[in-house]
Amino acid sequence: MPTFTSFANDLPDPNFKIGYYGATDTQTEAKPGPGFASVKLTNDQKMLVSRTNSQRILARSVAGQKWNVDINYHPMTREQFEPVYSFLLRQKGPITPFFVSLPQYRVPQNASWNTIVTQTFDATSFGGSSTESAYAPYIKTTASVNAGTSSVMFVVGKHTNYPTAYSFNGNALDPNVPRPGDMVTFATHTKAYLITSVETNHDYQASTTQPTTTQFRINVSPDFTETIAANTVGTFSIPKIKVVMPQPLREYSLNTDNLYSFNLKLEEYL
């Protein structure tokens, strides 16, 4: 067994394995974590709402937004239970943040877009050397946007070193783009966002800049919490939410069939 540089920081699940030594890798000793019986995602954002005597509504946001995640597990054998429980004990409640991948957001809804964000290219096919194989396409912002805004433009190309405009099966990028309800994260900060709409070269708001055939603009919720610089990478496949447990682990249940019952409450870490 080779050495490892750090302990796992992804909640073990069927896609993120963990070994008895505490690291995530592909060794045969590493085992997948248990799947979720149910997931509850809460949009936690405080609003101040009041009505005037004429019944007009006055509303404003009085605090930032975070995601709350409640996870329920199926009854588990000890072999299934101990790896995830031990992982959580090591996080010490709210002291150490970690990442969770929610199954409903793991794969983009649009199969064509999923193909774009998960495929690789042979660099020799577009001028690279044979040692530069299997570069994934880059998906980067085209310009800086400020915190507090809610839209950003992306461009899709083959690779940073070979920024040939990407086309899907010889066609323009549209309509092979993300869909409302997909999750996206950014390389420069860990806040998770849900896409509310996607504008393309063919369909875009009249008062805004028209995306080119290799660009698309997403609108998200909540608003961006930090400035996003130009050329920032967006993650659309297997996005993760950075979370903490608001309280240390307290209990689990063991029934007469030697099956463990357990649930988990998490809050987004910003």
Protein backbone atom coordinates (compact mmCIF):
# COMPACT_ATOMS: atom_id res chain seq x y z
CA MET A 1 0.00 0.00 0.00
CA PRO A 2 1.57 3.34 -1.00
CA THR A 3 1.56 6.33 1.30
CA PHE A 4 -1.20 8.94 1.00
CA THR A 5 -1.02 12.70 1.41
CA SER A 6 -4.29 13.40 3.23
CA PHE A 7 -7.33 11.78 4.77
CA ALA A 8 -10.56 11.64 2.81
CA ASN A 9 -12.68 14.79 2.90
CA ASP A 10 -15.61 13.50 0.81
CA LEU A 11 -18.50 11.85 2.62
CA PRO A 12 -18.25 8.15 1.68
CA ASP A 13 -21.03 7.06 -0.66
CA PRO A 14 -21.35 4.56 -3.52
CA ASN A 15 -19.10 6.76 -5.69
CA PHE A 16 -16.55 7.93 -3.09
CA LYS A 17 -14.68 5.03 -1.55
CA ILE A 18 -12.75 5.09 1.70
CA GLY A 19 -10.15 2.65 3.00
CA TYR A 20 -9.64 1.46 6.56
CA TYR A 21 -6.61 3.78 6.60
CA GLY A 22 -8.92 6.81 6.13
CA ALA A 23 -8.00 7.88 2.61
CA THR A 24 -9.97 7.86 -0.62
CA ASP A 25 -8.40 5.86 -3.44
CA THR A 26 -8.94 2.97 -5.82
CA GLN A 27 -7.09 0.33 -3.82
CA THR A 28 -8.96 -2.93 -3.30
CA GLU A 29 -9.05 -2.19 0.44
CA ALA A 30 -11.16 0.92 -0.19
CA LYS A 31 -14.90 0.32 0.04
CA PRO A 32 -17.82 2.43 -1.21
CA GLY A 33 -19.97 4.13 1.39
CA PRO A 34 -23.69 3.44 1.81
CA GLY A 35 -26.28 5.05 -0.42
CA PHE A 36 -28.86 7.51 0.86
CA ALA A 37 -32.45 6.49 1.60
CA SER A 38 -33.58 10.10 1.21
CA VAL A 39 -32.13 13.58 0.85
CA LYS A 40 -33.73 16.86 1.93
CA LEU A 41 -32.23 20.10 0.63
CA THR A 42 -33.34 23.34 2.29
CA ASN A 43 -32.77 26.82 0.88
CA ASP A 44 -31.98 28.69 4.12
CA GLN A 45 -32.22 32.44 3.58
CA LYS A 46 -33.77 34.88 6.02
CA MET A 47 -36.20 37.44 4.61
CA LEU A 48 -37.85 40.40 6.32
CA VAL A 49 -41.42 40.77 5.05
CA SER A 50 -44.05 43.27 6.14
CA ARG A 51 -47.25 44.79 4.76
CA THR A 52 -48.30 48.41 4.76
CA ASN A 53 -51.83 49.45 5.70
CA SER A 54 -52.61 49.53 1.99
CA GLN A 55 -51.44 45.88 1.82
CA ARG A 56 -48.35 46.54 -0.24
CA ILE A 57 -45.56 44.10 0.53
CA LEU A 58 -42.14 45.30 1.67
CA ALA A 59 -39.50 42.58 1.52
CA ARG A 60 -35.74 42.37 1.70
CA SER A 61 -33.05 39.84 2.40
CA VAL A 62 -31.49 40.36 5.83
CA ALA A 63 -28.86 37.60 5.79
CA GLY A 64 -26.83 35.45 3.45
CA GLN A 65 -28.02 32.15 2.03
CA LYS A 66 -26.86 28.64 2.81
CA TRP A 67 -27.98 25.12 1.91
CA ASN A 68 -29.05 22.70 4.65
CA VAL A 69 -28.84 19.00 3.85
CA ASP A 70 -30.66 16.24 5.73
CA ILE A 71 -29.63 12.69 4.84
CA ASN A 72 -31.40 9.53 5.94
CA TYR A 73 -29.77 6.14 5.50
CA HIS A 74 -31.30 2.74 4.94
CA PRO A 75 -30.68 0.25 7.78
CA MET A 76 -27.04 -0.79 7.45
CA THR A 77 -24.85 -3.69 8.38
CA ARG A 78 -21.86 -2.89 10.54
CA GLU A 79 -19.57 -3.20 7.52
CA GLN A 80 -21.58 -0.49 5.77
CA PHE A 81 -22.05 1.69 8.84
CA GLU A 82 -18.61 1.94 10.44
CA PRO A 83 -16.69 3.59 7.55
CA VAL A 84 -19.12 6.51 7.25
CA TYR A 85 -19.61 6.86 11.02
CA SER A 86 -15.86 6.84 11.65
CA PHE A 87 -15.37 9.41 8.89
CA LEU A 88 -17.90 11.71 10.56
CA LEU A 89 -16.40 11.26 14.02
CA ARG A 90 -13.08 12.49 12.67
CA GLN A 91 -14.71 15.75 11.50
CA LYS A 92 -15.58 16.68 15.13
CA GLY A 93 -18.93 18.29 14.44
CA PRO A 94 -18.67 21.90 13.23
CA ILE A 95 -14.88 22.04 13.57
CA THR A 96 -13.84 20.37 10.30
CA PRO A 97 -15.70 20.93 7.01
CA PHE A 98 -15.96 18.26 4.34
CA PHE A 99 -17.68 17.72 1.00
CA VAL A 100 -20.87 15.91 0.09
CA SER A 101 -22.04 14.94 -3.39
CA LEU A 102 -25.83 14.84 -3.68
CA PRO A 103 -27.01 12.11 -6.06
CA GLN A 104 -29.63 14.27 -7.77
CA TYR A 105 -26.95 16.73 -8.92
CA ARG A 106 -24.12 14.34 -9.71
CA VAL A 107 -24.94 14.03 -13.42
CA PRO A 108 -26.25 16.97 -15.50
CA GLN A 109 -29.80 16.53 -16.77
CA ASN A 110 -28.94 17.17 -20.42
CA ALA A 111 -27.20 14.04 -21.71
CA SER A 112 -25.48 15.97 -24.51
CA TRP A 113 -24.06 18.49 -22.04
CA ASN A 114 -22.94 15.67 -19.77
CA THR A 115 -21.03 14.21 -22.73
CA ILE A 116 -19.25 17.52 -23.23
CA VAL A 117 -18.20 17.97 -19.60
CA THR A 118 -17.04 14.38 -19.07
CA GLN A 119 -15.29 13.46 -22.34
CA THR A 120 -11.60 13.80 -23.13
CA PHE A 121 -9.66 14.51 -26.31
CA ASP A 122 -6.48 13.13 -27.82
CA ALA A 123 -4.23 16.19 -28.07
CA THR A 124 -2.68 14.92 -31.31
CA SER A 125 -6.02 15.43 -33.07
CA PHE A 126 -5.68 19.20 -32.78
CA GLY A 127 -1.96 19.91 -32.94
CA GLY A 128 -0.66 18.66 -29.60
CA SER A 129 2.12 16.17 -28.98
CA SER A 130 1.49 12.51 -28.32
CA THR A 131 2.44 13.02 -24.67
CA GLU A 132 -0.44 15.44 -24.19
CA SER A 133 -3.31 13.03 -24.58
CA ALA A 134 -6.74 13.02 -22.99
CA TYR A 135 -7.21 16.71 -22.22
CA ALA A 136 -10.71 17.47 -21.06
CA PRO A 137 -12.55 20.43 -22.60
CA TYR A 138 -12.27 23.64 -20.64
CA ILE A 139 -15.37 25.47 -19.44
CA LYS A 140 -14.40 28.91 -18.19
CA THR A 141 -15.97 32.28 -17.50
CA THR A 142 -15.41 34.90 -20.19
CA ALA A 143 -15.29 37.96 -17.93
CA SER A 144 -15.21 38.92 -14.27
CA VAL A 145 -18.53 39.30 -12.43
CA ASN A 146 -19.07 40.92 -9.05
CA ALA A 147 -20.41 39.43 -5.86
CA GLY A 148 -24.13 40.12 -5.59
CA THR A 149 -24.82 39.48 -9.27
CA SER A 150 -26.53 36.33 -10.49
CA SER A 151 -25.36 35.63 -14.05
CA VAL A 152 -22.07 34.75 -15.73
CA MET A 153 -20.98 33.86 -19.26
CA PHE A 154 -19.03 30.69 -20.06
CA VAL A 155 -17.05 29.64 -23.12
CA VAL A 156 -16.42 26.01 -24.01
CA GLY A 157 -13.13 25.07 -25.70
CA LYS A 158 -10.96 22.02 -26.12
CA HIS A 159 -8.17 22.87 -23.69
CA THR A 160 -6.36 25.89 -22.28
CA ASN A 161 -3.32 25.19 -24.46
CA TYR A 162 -5.43 24.50 -27.54
CA PRO A 163 -8.46 26.82 -27.33
CA THR A 164 -10.09 25.65 -30.53
CA ALA A 165 -13.78 26.54 -30.44
CA TYR A 166 -15.74 23.51 -29.39
CA SER A 167 -18.65 22.19 -31.41
CA PHE A 168 -20.87 19.27 -30.56
CA ASN A 169 -21.09 16.73 -33.41
CA GLY A 170 -20.25 19.53 -35.83
CA ASN A 171 -23.05 21.76 -34.58
CA ALA A 172 -23.05 24.90 -32.46
CA LEU A 173 -23.02 24.46 -28.70
CA ASP A 174 -26.70 25.42 -28.42
CA PRO A 175 -28.81 23.49 -27.30
CA ASN A 176 -26.23 21.16 -25.72
CA VAL A 177 -25.97 23.25 -22.56
CA PRO A 178 -26.83 22.90 -18.83
CA ARG A 179 -30.44 22.88 -17.72
CA PRO A 180 -32.28 24.76 -14.96
CA GLY A 181 -31.94 22.79 -11.74
CA ASP A 182 -28.36 21.68 -12.36
CA MET A 183 -25.79 22.55 -9.71
CA VAL A 184 -22.57 24.45 -10.43
CA THR A 185 -19.52 25.32 -8.35
CA PHE A 186 -16.45 27.41 -9.13
CA ALA A 187 -12.74 26.79 -8.71
CA THR A 188 -12.18 30.02 -6.75
CA HIS A 189 -14.64 29.44 -3.90
CA THR A 190 -16.78 26.62 -2.51
CA LYS A 191 -20.31 28.08 -2.57
CA ALA A 192 -22.78 25.89 -4.47
CA TYR A 193 -25.35 27.42 -6.82
CA LEU A 194 -28.42 26.11 -8.62
CA ILE A 195 -28.98 27.16 -12.21
CA THR A 196 -32.30 28.94 -12.79
CA SER A 197 -32.00 29.58 -16.55
CA VAL A 198 -29.51 29.27 -19.42
CA GLU A 199 -29.14 31.75 -22.29
CA THR A 200 -27.52 30.82 -25.60
CA ASN A 201 -26.68 32.36 -28.96
CA HIS A 202 -30.19 31.50 -30.11
CA ASP A 203 -32.19 32.40 -26.98
CA TYR A 204 -31.07 35.29 -24.79
CA GLN A 205 -32.50 38.35 -23.05
CA ALA A 206 -32.68 41.28 -25.47
CA SER A 207 -31.02 43.80 -23.13
CA THR A 208 -27.92 41.62 -22.60
CA THR A 209 -24.86 40.66 -24.63
CA GLN A 210 -25.60 37.89 -27.11
CA PRO A 211 -23.54 34.76 -26.40
CA THR A 212 -21.52 33.46 -29.35
CA THR A 213 -22.06 29.96 -30.69
CA THR A 214 -19.43 28.63 -28.25
CA GLN A 215 -20.76 30.53 -25.23
CA PHE A 216 -23.69 30.32 -22.85
CA ARG A 217 -24.80 32.42 -19.89
CA ILE A 218 -26.22 30.93 -16.70
CA ASN A 219 -28.42 32.63 -14.13
CA VAL A 220 -28.17 31.17 -10.65
CA SER A 221 -29.60 31.19 -7.16
CA PRO A 222 -28.44 32.46 -4.76
CA ASP A 223 -26.50 35.49 -5.99
CA PHE A 224 -22.74 35.05 -6.17
CA THR A 225 -21.15 35.44 -2.75
CA GLU A 226 -17.73 36.35 -4.14
CA THR A 227 -16.32 38.03 -7.23
CA ILE A 228 -15.69 35.51 -9.99
CA ALA A 229 -12.70 36.36 -12.16
CA ALA A 230 -12.42 35.81 -15.89
CA ASN A 231 -11.17 32.35 -16.89
CA THR A 232 -12.55 30.74 -13.75
CA VAL A 233 -13.36 27.06 -14.21
CA GLY A 234 -16.93 25.94 -13.58
CA THR A 235 -17.77 22.44 -12.35
CA PHE A 236 -21.00 21.00 -13.74
CA SER A 237 -20.29 17.27 -13.33
CA ILE A 238 -20.09 15.87 -9.79
CA PRO A 239 -20.36 19.26 -8.05
CA LYS A 240 -19.89 19.09 -4.30
CA ILE A 241 -21.26 21.12 -1.41
CA LYS A 242 -18.81 22.02 1.36
CA VAL A 243 -20.57 21.30 4.64
CA VAL A 244 -20.20 20.92 8.39
CA MET A 245 -22.23 19.12 11.00
CA PRO A 246 -23.76 21.85 13.20
CA GLN A 247 -23.53 19.47 16.17
CA PRO A 248 -21.19 16.57 16.96
CA LEU A 249 -22.51 13.10 16.26
CA ARG A 250 -24.79 12.04 19.09
CA GLU A 251 -26.41 8.69 18.47
CA TYR A 252 -27.29 5.77 16.26
CA SER A 253 -29.69 2.86 16.73
CA LEU A 254 -29.01 -0.87 16.50
CA ASN A 255 -31.98 -3.23 16.15
CA THR A 256 -32.38 -6.94 16.89
CA ASP A 257 -31.33 -7.79 13.33
CA ASN A 258 -27.97 -6.10 13.98
CA LEU A 259 -28.81 -3.32 11.52
CA TYR A 260 -27.76 0.25 12.24
CA SER A 261 -30.12 3.22 11.79
CA PHE A 262 -28.64 6.66 11.37
CA ASN A 263 -29.40 10.10 9.93
CA LEU A 264 -27.31 13.15 9.29
CA LYS A 265 -27.90 16.91 9.39
CA LEU A 266 -25.47 19.13 7.51
CA GLU A 267 -25.12 22.86 6.85
CA GLU A 268 -23.21 24.51 4.02
CA TYR A 269 -19.82 25.87 5.07
CA LEU A 270 -18.97 29.30 3.66
